Amino acid sequence: MPALRLSRDIRPVTDLKSHGADIVKQAEAGRAVVLSRHGRAVAVVLSVAEYEDLSDAAEGAALQRAVDEGMRELEAGAGRSHAEVREHFLAMARASR
Protein backbone atom coordinates (compact mmCIF):
# COMPACT_ATOMS: atom_id res chain seq x y z
CA MET A 1 0.00 0.00 0.00
CA PRO A 2 1.49 3.37 -0.96
CA ALA A 3 2.32 5.91 1.73
CA LEU A 4 -0.53 8.15 2.79
CA ARG A 5 -0.57 11.56 1.13
CA LEU A 6 -2.31 13.94 3.51
CA SER A 7 -3.36 16.37 0.79
CA ARG A 8 -5.12 13.69 -1.24
CA ASP A 9 -5.90 10.70 0.95
CA ILE A 10 -7.75 12.28 3.88
CA ARG A 11 -11.27 13.39 3.03
CA PRO A 12 -14.24 14.49 5.11
CA VAL A 13 -17.05 11.96 5.46
CA THR A 14 -19.33 14.41 3.65
CA ASP A 15 -17.28 13.77 0.47
CA LEU A 16 -18.84 10.29 0.30
CA LYS A 17 -22.12 11.82 -0.81
CA SER A 18 -20.75 14.09 -3.52
CA HIS A 19 -17.54 12.23 -4.50
CA GLY A 20 -18.27 8.62 -3.60
CA ALA A 21 -17.31 7.27 -7.02
CA ASP A 22 -13.95 9.09 -6.89
CA ILE A 23 -13.24 7.69 -3.42
CA VAL A 24 -14.01 4.16 -4.60
CA LYS A 25 -11.82 4.61 -7.70
CA GLN A 26 -8.94 5.77 -5.53
CA ALA A 27 -9.32 2.75 -3.25
CA GLU A 28 -9.55 0.39 -6.24
CA ALA A 29 -6.32 1.90 -7.55
CA GLY A 30 -4.59 0.83 -4.34
CA ARG A 31 -4.63 4.14 -2.45
CA ALA A 32 -6.50 4.01 0.85
CA VAL A 33 -8.79 6.91 1.70
CA VAL A 34 -9.09 8.07 5.31
CA LEU A 35 -12.47 9.58 6.10
CA SER A 36 -12.62 12.21 8.80
CA ARG A 37 -15.30 13.90 10.85
CA HIS A 38 -14.56 17.09 12.79
CA GLY A 39 -10.88 16.69 11.98
CA ARG A 40 -10.59 13.15 13.35
CA ALA A 41 -10.16 9.96 11.33
CA VAL A 42 -13.25 7.74 11.59
CA ALA A 43 -12.93 5.20 8.76
CA VAL A 44 -10.66 3.91 6.03
CA VAL A 45 -11.80 2.91 2.54
CA LEU A 46 -9.66 0.14 1.02
CA SER A 47 -9.83 -2.02 -2.05
CA VAL A 48 -11.02 -5.57 -1.41
CA ALA A 49 -7.54 -6.87 -2.27
CA GLU A 50 -5.91 -4.58 0.31
CA TYR A 51 -8.48 -5.56 2.91
CA GLU A 52 -7.91 -9.27 2.26
CA ASP A 53 -4.12 -8.80 2.46
CA LEU A 54 -4.47 -6.99 5.80
CA SER A 55 -6.88 -9.62 7.10
CA ASP A 56 -4.53 -12.45 6.10
CA ALA A 57 -1.59 -10.65 7.73
CA ALA A 58 -3.60 -10.19 10.94
CA GLU A 59 -4.49 -13.89 11.01
CA GLY A 60 -0.84 -14.79 10.46
CA ALA A 61 0.23 -12.47 13.27
CA ALA A 62 -2.37 -13.99 15.62
CA LEU A 63 -1.13 -17.47 14.81
CA GLN A 64 2.47 -16.41 15.40
CA ARG A 65 1.53 -14.90 18.78
CA ALA A 66 -0.17 -18.18 19.76
CA VAL A 67 2.89 -20.18 18.72
CA ASP A 68 5.18 -17.80 20.62
CA GLU A 69 3.00 -18.09 23.73
CA GLY A 70 3.02 -21.86 23.47
CA MET A 71 6.81 -21.90 23.17
CA ARG A 72 7.12 -19.69 26.28
CA GLU A 73 4.82 -22.06 28.18
CA LEU A 74 6.88 -25.08 27.10
CA GLU A 75 10.11 -23.37 28.14
CA ALA A 76 8.53 -22.61 31.53
CA GLY A 77 7.60 -26.29 31.95
CA ALA A 78 3.88 -25.71 31.52
CA GLY A 79 3.51 -28.08 28.56
CA ARG A 80 1.59 -31.35 28.33
CA SER A 81 2.82 -34.66 27.07
CA HIS A 82 1.73 -36.03 23.72
CA ALA A 83 -0.33 -38.68 25.51
CA GLU A 84 -2.16 -36.04 27.60
CA VAL A 85 -3.00 -33.96 24.53
CA ARG A 86 -4.12 -37.04 22.59
CA GLU A 87 -6.39 -38.16 25.44
CA HIS A 88 -7.83 -34.64 25.75
CA PHE A 89 -8.80 -34.55 22.05
CA LEU A 90 -10.15 -38.10 22.11
CA ALA A 91 -12.33 -37.17 25.08
CA MET A 92 -13.59 -34.11 23.22
CA ALA A 93 -14.42 -36.27 20.19
CA ARG A 94 -16.29 -38.81 22.35
CA ALA A 95 -18.27 -36.02 24.04
CA SER A 96 -19.38 -34.52 20.73
CA ARG A 97 -21.02 -37.76 19.55
PDB file of N, CA and C in Angstrom:
ATOM      1  N   MET A   1       0.861  -1.172   0.000  1.00  0.00           N
ATOM      2  CA  MET A   1       0.000   0.000   0.000  1.00  0.00           C
ATOM      3  C   MET A   1       0.904   1.230   0.000  1.00  0.00           C
ATOM      4  N   PRO A   2       0.667   2.155  -0.909  1.00  0.00           N
ATOM      5  CA  PRO A   2       1.492   3.368  -0.959  1.00  0.00           C
ATOM      6  C   PRO A   2       1.344   4.214   0.302  1.00  0.00           C
ATOM      7  N   ALA A   3       2.362   5.011   0.570  1.00  0.00           N
ATOM      8  CA  ALA A   3       2.321   5.907   1.727  1.00  0.00           C
ATOM      9  C   ALA A   3       1.152   6.881   1.611  1.00  0.00           C
ATOM     10  N   LEU A   4       0.599   7.220   2.736  1.00  0.00           N
ATOM     11  CA  LEU A   4      -0.530   8.147   2.789  1.00  0.00           C
ATOM     12  C   LEU A   4      -0.084   9.544   2.398  1.00  0.00           C
ATOM     13  N   ARG A   5      -0.834  10.175   1.509  1.00  0.00           N
ATOM     14  CA  ARG A   5      -0.569  11.565   1.132  1.00  0.00           C
ATOM     15  C   ARG A   5      -1.681  12.413   1.740  1.00  0.00           C
ATOM     16  N   LEU A   6      -1.315  13.189   2.738  1.00  0.00           N
ATOM     17  CA  LEU A   6      -2.311  13.937   3.510  1.00  0.00           C
ATOM     18  C   LEU A   6      -3.180  14.826   2.636  1.00  0.00           C
ATOM     19  N   SER A   7      -2.601  15.440   1.624  1.00  0.00           N
ATOM     20  CA  SER A   7      -3.362  16.368   0.790  1.00  0.00           C
ATOM     21  C   SER A   7      -4.405  15.666  -0.069  1.00  0.00           C
ATOM     22  N   ARG A   8      -4.240  14.383  -0.304  1.00  0.00           N
ATOM     23  CA  ARG A   8      -5.117  13.688  -1.236  1.00  0.00           C
ATOM     24  C   ARG A   8      -5.880  12.527  -0.612  1.00  0.00           C
ATOM     25  N   ASP A   9      -5.336  11.941   0.440  1.00  0.00           N
ATOM     26  CA  ASP A   9      -5.897  10.699   0.947  1.00  0.00           C
ATOM     27  C   ASP A   9      -6.772  10.847   2.184  1.00  0.00           C
ATOM     28  N   ILE A  10      -6.854  12.037   2.745  1.00  0.00           N
ATOM     29  CA  ILE A  10      -7.750  12.277   3.875  1.00  0.00           C
ATOM     30  C   ILE A  10      -8.879  13.171   3.394  1.00  0.00           C
ATOM     31  N   ARG A  11     -10.093  12.658   3.539  1.00  0.00           N
ATOM     32  CA  ARG A  11     -11.268  13.386   3.033  1.00  0.00           C
ATOM     33  C   ARG A  11     -12.346  13.402   4.105  1.00  0.00           C
ATOM     34  N   PRO A  12     -13.127  14.464   4.154  1.00  0.00           N
ATOM     35  CA  PRO A  12     -14.239  14.487   5.110  1.00  0.00           C
ATOM     36  C   PRO A  12     -15.312  13.471   4.719  1.00  0.00           C
ATOM     37  N   VAL A  13     -15.995  12.932   5.701  1.00  0.00           N
ATOM     38  CA  VAL A  13     -17.053  11.955   5.456  1.00  0.00           C
ATOM     39  C   VAL A  13     -18.088  12.511   4.481  1.00  0.00           C
ATOM     40  N   THR A  14     -18.331  13.803   4.534  1.00  0.00           N
ATOM     41  CA  THR A  14     -19.333  14.406   3.647  1.00  0.00           C
ATOM     42  C   THR A  14     -18.970  14.240   2.175  1.00  0.00           C
ATOM     43  N   ASP A  15     -17.685  14.007   1.864  1.00  0.00           N
ATOM     44  CA  ASP A  15     -17.281  13.767   0.472  1.00  0.00           C
ATOM     45  C   ASP A  15     -17.868  12.479  -0.084  1.00  0.00           C
ATOM     46  N   LEU A  16     -18.255  11.548   0.789  1.00  0.00           N
ATOM     47  CA  LEU A  16     -18.840  10.293   0.300  1.00  0.00           C
ATOM     48  C   LEU A  16     -20.088  10.556  -0.531  1.00  0.00           C
ATOM     49  N   LYS A  17     -20.875  11.524  -0.109  1.00  0.00           N
ATOM     50  CA  LYS A  17     -22.121  11.816  -0.811  1.00  0.00           C
ATOM     51  C   LYS A  17     -21.855  12.415  -2.190  1.00  0.00           C
ATOM     52  N   SER A  18     -20.972  13.388  -2.262  1.00  0.00           N
ATOM     53  CA  SER A  18     -20.754  14.092  -3.521  1.00  0.00           C
ATOM     54  C   SER A  18     -19.621  13.513  -4.371  1.00  0.00           C
ATOM     55  N   HIS A  19     -18.696  12.756  -3.757  1.00  0.00           N
ATOM     56  CA  HIS A  19     -17.544  12.234  -4.504  1.00  0.00           C
ATOM     57  C   HIS A  19     -17.322  10.750  -4.227  1.00  0.00           C
ATOM     58  N   GLY A  20     -18.386  10.035  -3.941  1.00  0.00           N
ATOM     59  CA  GLY A  20     -18.266   8.619  -3.600  1.00  0.00           C
ATOM     60  C   GLY A  20     -17.579   7.797  -4.676  1.00  0.00           C
ATOM     61  N   ALA A  21     -17.924   8.034  -5.935  1.00  0.00           N
ATOM     62  CA  ALA A  21     -17.314   7.272  -7.024  1.00  0.00           C
ATOM     63  C   ALA A  21     -15.810   7.522  -7.095  1.00  0.00           C
ATOM     64  N   ASP A  22     -15.388   8.776  -6.874  1.00  0.00           N
ATOM     65  CA  ASP A  22     -13.954   9.094  -6.893  1.00  0.00           C
ATOM     66  C   ASP A  22     -13.213   8.396  -5.745  1.00  0.00           C
ATOM     67  N   ILE A  23     -13.852   8.349  -4.586  1.00  0.00           N
ATOM     68  CA  ILE A  23     -13.241   7.693  -3.424  1.00  0.00           C
ATOM     69  C   ILE A  23     -13.072   6.200  -3.699  1.00  0.00           C
ATOM     70  N   VAL A  24     -14.088   5.583  -4.271  1.00  0.00           N
ATOM     71  CA  VAL A  24     -14.010   4.156  -4.598  1.00  0.00           C
ATOM     72  C   VAL A  24     -12.935   3.915  -5.658  1.00  0.00           C
ATOM     73  N   LYS A  25     -12.867   4.759  -6.676  1.00  0.00           N
ATOM     74  CA  LYS A  25     -11.823   4.607  -7.704  1.00  0.00           C
ATOM     75  C   LYS A  25     -10.437   4.675  -7.094  1.00  0.00           C
ATOM     76  N   GLN A  26     -10.240   5.614  -6.180  1.00  0.00           N
ATOM     77  CA  GLN A  26      -8.943   5.769  -5.533  1.00  0.00           C
ATOM     78  C   GLN A  26      -8.593   4.503  -4.752  1.00  0.00           C
ATOM     79  N   ALA A  27      -9.565   3.976  -4.025  1.00  0.00           N
ATOM     80  CA  ALA A  27      -9.322   2.750  -3.253  1.00  0.00           C
ATOM     81  C   ALA A  27      -9.029   1.578  -4.184  1.00  0.00           C
ATOM     82  N   GLU A  28      -9.784   1.470  -5.276  1.00  0.00           N
ATOM     83  CA  GLU A  28      -9.552   0.391  -6.241  1.00  0.00           C
ATOM     84  C   GLU A  28      -8.164   0.483  -6.868  1.00  0.00           C
ATOM     85  N   ALA A  29      -7.646   1.694  -6.979  1.00  0.00           N
ATOM     86  CA  ALA A  29      -6.318   1.901  -7.555  1.00  0.00           C
ATOM     87  C   ALA A  29      -5.205   1.600  -6.547  1.00  0.00           C
ATOM     88  N   GLY A  30      -5.584   1.211  -5.323  1.00  0.00           N
ATOM     89  CA  GLY A  30      -4.586   0.831  -4.339  1.00  0.00           C
ATOM     90  C   GLY A  30      -4.207   1.919  -3.355  1.00  0.00           C
ATOM     91  N   ARG A  31      -4.906   3.061  -3.391  1.00  0.00           N
ATOM     92  CA  ARG A  31      -4.633   4.143  -2.448  1.00  0.00           C
ATOM     93  C   ARG A  31      -5.780   4.211  -1.445  1.00  0.00           C
ATOM     94  N   ALA A  32      -5.483   3.944  -0.206  1.00  0.00           N
ATOM     95  CA  ALA A  32      -6.495   4.014   0.850  1.00  0.00           C
ATOM     96  C   ALA A  32      -6.970   5.453   1.014  1.00  0.00           C
ATOM     97  N   VAL A  33      -8.216   5.592   1.425  1.00  0.00           N
ATOM     98  CA  VAL A  33      -8.787   6.907   1.698  1.00  0.00           C
ATOM     99  C   VAL A  33      -9.215   6.929   3.165  1.00  0.00           C
ATOM    100  N   VAL A  34      -8.714   7.897   3.906  1.00  0.00           N
ATOM    101  CA  VAL A  34      -9.092   8.068   5.310  1.00  0.00           C
ATOM    102  C   VAL A  34     -10.230   9.076   5.354  1.00  0.00           C
ATOM    103  N   LEU A  35     -11.327   8.680   5.965  1.00  0.00           N
ATOM    104  CA  LEU A  35     -12.475   9.576   6.096  1.00  0.00           C
ATOM    105  C   LEU A  35     -12.445  10.202   7.484  1.00  0.00           C
ATOM    106  N   SER A  36     -12.685  11.498   7.527  1.00  0.00           N
ATOM    107  CA  SER A  36     -12.615  12.209   8.804  1.00  0.00           C
ATOM    108  C   SER A  36     -13.931  12.920   9.099  1.00  0.00           C
ATOM    109  N   ARG A  37     -14.141  13.125  10.382  1.00  0.00           N
ATOM    110  CA  ARG A  37     -15.299  13.897  10.848  1.00  0.00           C
ATOM    111  C   ARG A  37     -14.787  14.808  11.955  1.00  0.00           C
ATOM    112  N   HIS A  38     -15.030  16.102  11.812  1.00  0.00           N
ATOM    113  CA  HIS A  38     -14.564  17.094  12.789  1.00  0.00           C
ATOM    114  C   HIS A  38     -13.051  16.992  13.008  1.00  0.00           C
ATOM    115  N   GLY A  39     -12.333  16.731  11.919  1.00  0.00           N
ATOM    116  CA  GLY A  39     -10.876  16.687  11.985  1.00  0.00           C
ATOM    117  C   GLY A  39     -10.271  15.413  12.532  1.00  0.00           C
ATOM    118  N   ARG A  40     -11.099  14.421  12.815  1.00  0.00           N
ATOM    119  CA  ARG A  40     -10.591  13.149  13.346  1.00  0.00           C
ATOM    120  C   ARG A  40     -10.909  12.011  12.387  1.00  0.00           C
ATOM    121  N   ALA A  41      -9.953  11.120  12.192  1.00  0.00           N
ATOM    122  CA  ALA A  41     -10.162   9.962  11.329  1.00  0.00           C
ATOM    123  C   ALA A  41     -11.222   9.060  11.941  1.00  0.00           C
ATOM    124  N   VAL A  42     -12.173   8.616  11.101  1.00  0.00           N
ATOM    125  CA  VAL A  42     -13.246   7.744  11.590  1.00  0.00           C
ATOM    126  C   VAL A  42     -13.362   6.441  10.804  1.00  0.00           C
ATOM    127  N   ALA A  43     -12.816   6.405   9.582  1.00  0.00           N
ATOM    128  CA  ALA A  43     -12.928   5.197   8.764  1.00  0.00           C
ATOM    129  C   ALA A  43     -11.865   5.219   7.679  1.00  0.00           C
ATOM    130  N   VAL A  44     -11.606   4.034   7.130  1.00  0.00           N
ATOM    131  CA  VAL A  44     -10.663   3.908   6.027  1.00  0.00           C
ATOM    132  C   VAL A  44     -11.351   3.123   4.925  1.00  0.00           C
ATOM    133  N   VAL A  45     -11.262   3.616   3.691  1.00  0.00           N
ATOM    134  CA  VAL A  45     -11.799   2.911   2.537  1.00  0.00           C
ATOM    135  C   VAL A  45     -10.622   2.256   1.825  1.00  0.00           C
ATOM    136  N   LEU A  46     -10.712   0.925   1.666  1.00  0.00           N
ATOM    137  CA  LEU A  46      -9.656   0.141   1.022  1.00  0.00           C
ATOM    138  C   LEU A  46     -10.244  -0.673  -0.116  1.00  0.00           C
ATOM    139  N   SER A  47      -9.388  -1.063  -1.045  1.00  0.00           N
ATOM    140  CA  SER A  47      -9.835  -2.022  -2.054  1.00  0.00           C
ATOM    141  C   SER A  47     -10.038  -3.365  -1.358  1.00  0.00           C
ATOM    142  N   VAL A  48     -10.801  -4.239  -1.972  1.00  0.00           N
ATOM    143  CA  VAL A  48     -11.021  -5.567  -1.408  1.00  0.00           C
ATOM    144  C   VAL A  48      -9.698  -6.314  -1.298  1.00  0.00           C
ATOM    145  N   ALA A  49      -8.841  -6.182  -2.299  1.00  0.00           N
ATOM    146  CA  ALA A  49      -7.542  -6.865  -2.270  1.00  0.00           C
ATOM    147  C   ALA A  49      -6.702  -6.406  -1.085  1.00  0.00           C
ATOM    148  N   GLU A  50      -6.662  -5.101  -0.832  1.00  0.00           N
ATOM    149  CA  GLU A  50      -5.906  -4.576   0.305  1.00  0.00           C
ATOM    150  C   GLU A  50      -6.494  -5.075   1.618  1.00  0.00           C
ATOM    151  N   TYR A  51      -7.818  -5.078   1.699  1.00  0.00           N
ATOM    152  CA  TYR A  51      -8.480  -5.561   2.911  1.00  0.00           C
ATOM    153  C   TYR A  51      -8.136  -7.029   3.165  1.00  0.00           C
ATOM    154  N   GLU A  52      -8.220  -7.851   2.113  1.00  0.00           N
ATOM    155  CA  GLU A  52      -7.908  -9.271   2.259  1.00  0.00           C
ATOM    156  C   GLU A  52      -6.453  -9.482   2.674  1.00  0.00           C
ATOM    157  N   ASP A  53      -5.537  -8.703   2.084  1.00  0.00           N
ATOM    158  CA  ASP A  53      -4.125  -8.800   2.460  1.00  0.00           C
ATOM    159  C   ASP A  53      -3.932  -8.463   3.940  1.00  0.00           C
ATOM    160  N   LEU A  54      -4.574  -7.382   4.396  1.00  0.00           N
ATOM    161  CA  LEU A  54      -4.469  -6.994   5.805  1.00  0.00           C
ATOM    162  C   LEU A  54      -5.088  -8.044   6.726  1.00  0.00           C
ATOM    163  N   SER A  55      -6.214  -8.601   6.309  1.00  0.00           N
ATOM    164  CA  SER A  55      -6.885  -9.623   7.097  1.00  0.00           C
ATOM    165  C   SER A  55      -6.011 -10.873   7.204  1.00  0.00           C
ATOM    166  N   ASP A  56      -5.417 -11.286   6.085  1.00  0.00           N
ATOM    167  CA  ASP A  56      -4.528 -12.448   6.099  1.00  0.00           C
ATOM    168  C   ASP A  56      -3.316 -12.196   6.992  1.00  0.00           C
ATOM    169  N   ALA A  57      -2.753 -10.996   6.902  1.00  0.00           N
ATOM    170  CA  ALA A  57      -1.593 -10.653   7.727  1.00  0.00           C
ATOM    171  C   ALA A  57      -1.957 -10.675   9.207  1.00  0.00           C
ATOM    172  N   ALA A  58      -3.153 -10.185   9.547  1.00  0.00           N
ATOM    173  CA  ALA A  58      -3.597 -10.188  10.945  1.00  0.00           C
ATOM    174  C   ALA A  58      -3.775 -11.617  11.448  1.00  0.00           C
ATOM    175  N   GLU A  59      -4.331 -12.488  10.614  1.00  0.00           N
ATOM    176  CA  GLU A  59      -4.490 -13.886  11.005  1.00  0.00           C
ATOM    177  C   GLU A  59      -3.126 -14.537  11.216  1.00  0.00           C
ATOM    178  N   GLY A  60      -2.190 -14.247  10.326  1.00  0.00           N
ATOM    179  CA  GLY A  60      -0.844 -14.792  10.460  1.00  0.00           C
ATOM    180  C   GLY A  60      -0.168 -14.310  11.725  1.00  0.00           C
ATOM    181  N   ALA A  61      -0.364 -13.032  12.048  1.00  0.00           N
ATOM    182  CA  ALA A  61       0.230 -12.468  13.267  1.00  0.00           C
ATOM    183  C   ALA A  61      -0.392 -13.106  14.501  1.00  0.00           C
ATOM    184  N   ALA A  62      -1.704 -13.352  14.486  1.00  0.00           N
ATOM    185  CA  ALA A  62      -2.368 -13.985  15.624  1.00  0.00           C
ATOM    186  C   ALA A  62      -1.854 -15.406  15.814  1.00  0.00           C
ATOM    187  N   LEU A  63      -1.672 -16.121  14.720  1.00  0.00           N
ATOM    188  CA  LEU A  63      -1.133 -17.475  14.806  1.00  0.00           C
ATOM    189  C   LEU A  63       0.281 -17.452  15.370  1.00  0.00           C
ATOM    190  N   GLN A  64       1.093 -16.512  14.903  1.00  0.00           N
ATOM    191  CA  GLN A  64       2.467 -16.415  15.399  1.00  0.00           C
ATOM    192  C   GLN A  64       2.494 -16.102  16.890  1.00  0.00           C
ATOM    193  N   ARG A  65       1.594 -15.210  17.344  1.00  0.00           N
ATOM    194  CA  ARG A  65       1.526 -14.905  18.780  1.00  0.00           C
ATOM    195  C   ARG A  65       1.167 -16.152  19.584  1.00  0.00           C
ATOM    196  N   ALA A  66       0.230 -16.958  19.061  1.00  0.00           N
ATOM    197  CA  ALA A  66      -0.167 -18.183  19.755  1.00  0.00           C
ATOM    198  C   ALA A  66       0.999 -19.170  19.825  1.00  0.00           C
ATOM    199  N   VAL A  67       1.729 -19.293  18.734  1.00  0.00           N
ATOM    200  CA  VAL A  67       2.893 -20.182  18.717  1.00  0.00           C
ATOM    201  C   VAL A  67       3.942 -19.686  19.707  1.00  0.00           C
ATOM    202  N   ASP A  68       4.199 -18.380  19.693  1.00  0.00           N
ATOM    203  CA  ASP A  68       5.180 -17.802  20.624  1.00  0.00           C
ATOM    204  C   ASP A  68       4.771 -18.042  22.078  1.00  0.00           C
ATOM    205  N   GLU A  69       3.487 -17.866  22.373  1.00  0.00           N
ATOM    206  CA  GLU A  69       2.997 -18.092  23.733  1.00  0.00           C
ATOM    207  C   GLU A  69       3.165 -19.553  24.123  1.00  0.00           C
ATOM    208  N   GLY A  70       2.850 -20.444  23.204  1.00  0.00           N
ATOM    209  CA  GLY A  70       3.024 -21.865  23.469  1.00  0.00           C
ATOM    210  C   GLY A  70       4.477 -22.220  23.732  1.00  0.00           C
ATOM    211  N   MET A  71       5.377 -21.636  22.966  1.00  0.00           N
ATOM    212  CA  MET A  71       6.807 -21.895  23.171  1.00  0.00           C
ATOM    213  C   MET A  71       7.260 -21.395  24.544  1.00  0.00           C
ATOM    214  N   ARG A  72       6.774 -20.210  24.948  1.00  0.00           N
ATOM    215  CA  ARG A  72       7.124 -19.689  26.280  1.00  0.00           C
ATOM    216  C   ARG A  72       6.608 -20.621  27.379  1.00  0.00           C
ATOM    217  N   GLU A  73       5.387 -21.132  27.194  1.00  0.00           N
ATOM    218  CA  GLU A  73       4.821 -22.055  28.178  1.00  0.00           C
ATOM    219  C   GLU A  73       5.648 -23.336  28.259  1.00  0.00           C
ATOM    220  N   LEU A  74       6.053 -23.867  27.104  1.00  0.00           N
ATOM    221  CA  LEU A  74       6.879 -25.077  27.102  1.00  0.00           C
ATOM    222  C   LEU A  74       8.203 -24.838  27.809  1.00  0.00           C
ATOM    223  N   GLU A  75       8.820 -23.701  27.512  1.00  0.00           N
ATOM    224  CA  GLU A  75      10.105 -23.373  28.136  1.00  0.00           C
ATOM    225  C   GLU A  75       9.966 -23.212  29.649  1.00  0.00           C
ATOM    226  N   ALA A  76       8.775 -22.792  30.102  1.00  0.00           N
ATOM    227  CA  ALA A  76       8.532 -22.611  31.528  1.00  0.00           C
ATOM    228  C   ALA A  76       8.075 -23.916  32.186  1.00  0.00           C
ATOM    229  N   GLY A  77       8.003 -24.997  31.407  1.00  0.00           N
ATOM    230  CA  GLY A  77       7.603 -26.289  31.953  1.00  0.00           C
ATOM    231  C   GLY A  77       6.113 -26.473  32.076  1.00  0.00           C
ATOM    232  N   ALA A  78       5.337 -25.641  31.403  1.00  0.00           N
ATOM    233  CA  ALA A  78       3.877 -25.714  31.524  1.00  0.00           C
ATOM    234  C   ALA A  78       3.249 -26.574  30.427  1.00  0.00           C
ATOM    235  N   GLY A  79       4.042 -27.285  29.672  1.00  0.00           N
ATOM    236  CA  GLY A  79       3.509 -28.077  28.561  1.00  0.00           C
ATOM    237  C   GLY A  79       2.868 -29.370  29.014  1.00  0.00           C
ATOM    238  N   ARG A  80       2.209 -30.038  28.080  1.00  0.00           N
ATOM    239  CA  ARG A  80       1.595 -31.347  28.334  1.00  0.00           C
ATOM    240  C   ARG A  80       2.270 -32.377  27.442  1.00  0.00           C
ATOM    241  N   SER A  81       2.229 -33.583  27.867  1.00  0.00           N
ATOM    242  CA  SER A  81       2.817 -34.657  27.066  1.00  0.00           C
ATOM    243  C   SER A  81       1.917 -34.949  25.873  1.00  0.00           C
ATOM    244  N   HIS A  82       2.493 -35.635  24.902  1.00  0.00           N
ATOM    245  CA  HIS A  82       1.729 -36.028  23.721  1.00  0.00           C
ATOM    246  C   HIS A  82       0.534 -36.880  24.141  1.00  0.00           C
ATOM    247  N   ALA A  83       0.742 -37.796  25.060  1.00  0.00           N
ATOM    248  CA  ALA A  83      -0.327 -38.683  25.514  1.00  0.00           C
ATOM    249  C   ALA A  83      -1.463 -37.885  26.165  1.00  0.00           C
ATOM    250  N   GLU A  84      -1.125 -36.866  26.961  1.00  0.00           N
ATOM    251  CA  GLU A  84      -2.163 -36.038  27.599  1.00  0.00           C
ATOM    252  C   GLU A  84      -2.979 -35.280  26.558  1.00  0.00           C
ATOM    253  N   VAL A  85      -2.305 -34.722  25.584  1.00  0.00           N
ATOM    254  CA  VAL A  85      -3.001 -33.965  24.532  1.00  0.00           C
ATOM    255  C   VAL A  85      -3.882 -34.895  23.716  1.00  0.00           C
ATOM    256  N   ARG A  86      -3.351 -36.061  23.375  1.00  0.00           N
ATOM    257  CA  ARG A  86      -4.116 -37.040  22.594  1.00  0.00           C
ATOM    258  C   ARG A  86      -5.376 -37.437  23.360  1.00  0.00           C
ATOM    259  N   GLU A  87      -5.239 -37.751  24.634  1.00  0.00           N
ATOM    260  CA  GLU A  87      -6.389 -38.158  25.440  1.00  0.00           C
ATOM    261  C   GLU A  87      -7.410 -37.019  25.548  1.00  0.00           C
ATOM    262  N   HIS A  88      -6.929 -35.797  25.678  1.00  0.00           N
ATOM    263  CA  HIS A  88      -7.829 -34.640  25.747  1.00  0.00           C
ATOM    264  C   HIS A  88      -8.690 -34.547  24.481  1.00  0.00           C
ATOM    265  N   PHE A  89      -8.056 -34.669  23.312  1.00  0.00           N
ATOM    266  CA  PHE A  89      -8.804 -34.554  22.054  1.00  0.00           C
ATOM    267  C   PHE A  89      -9.708 -35.763  21.820  1.00  0.00           C
ATOM    268  N   LEU A  90      -9.281 -36.929  22.228  1.00  0.00           N
ATOM    269  CA  LEU A  90     -10.148 -38.100  22.107  1.00  0.00           C
ATOM    270  C   LEU A  90     -11.382 -37.941  22.992  1.00  0.00           C
ATOM    271  N   ALA A  91     -11.190 -37.408  24.177  1.00  0.00           N
ATOM    272  CA  ALA A  91     -12.331 -37.172  25.084  1.00  0.00           C
ATOM    273  C   ALA A  91     -13.290 -36.142  24.481  1.00  0.00           C
ATOM    274  N   MET A  92     -12.729 -35.108  23.872  1.00  0.00           N
ATOM    275  CA  MET A  92     -13.590 -34.106  23.217  1.00  0.00           C
ATOM    276  C   MET A  92     -14.381 -34.738  22.085  1.00  0.00           C
ATOM    277  N   ALA A  93     -13.743 -35.604  21.313  1.00  0.00           N
ATOM    278  CA  ALA A  93     -14.418 -36.273  20.191  1.00  0.00           C
ATOM    279  C   ALA A  93     -15.534 -37.193  20.712  1.00  0.00           C
ATOM    280  N   ARG A  94     -15.259 -37.909  21.780  1.00  0.00           N
ATOM    281  CA  ARG A  94     -16.285 -38.808  22.348  1.00  0.00           C
ATOM    282  C   ARG A  94     -17.471 -37.983  22.868  1.00  0.00           C
ATOM    283  N   ALA A  95     -17.205 -36.855  23.474  1.00  0.00           N
ATOM    284  CA  ALA A  95     -18.267 -36.024  24.041  1.00  0.00           C
ATOM    285  C   ALA A  95     -19.144 -35.396  22.969  1.00  0.00           C
ATOM    286  N   SER A  96     -18.601 -35.199  21.783  1.00  0.00           N
ATOM    287  CA  SER A  96     -19.376 -34.524  20.731  1.00  0.00           C
ATOM    288  C   SER A  96     -20.269 -35.489  19.965  1.00  0.00           C
ATOM    289  N   ARG A  97     -20.182 -36.778  20.268  1.00  0.00           N
ATOM    290  CA  ARG A  97     -21.018 -37.764  19.552  1.00  0.00           C
ATOM    291  C   ARG A  97     -22.405 -37.812  20.087  1.00  0.00           C
TER     292      ARG A  97
END
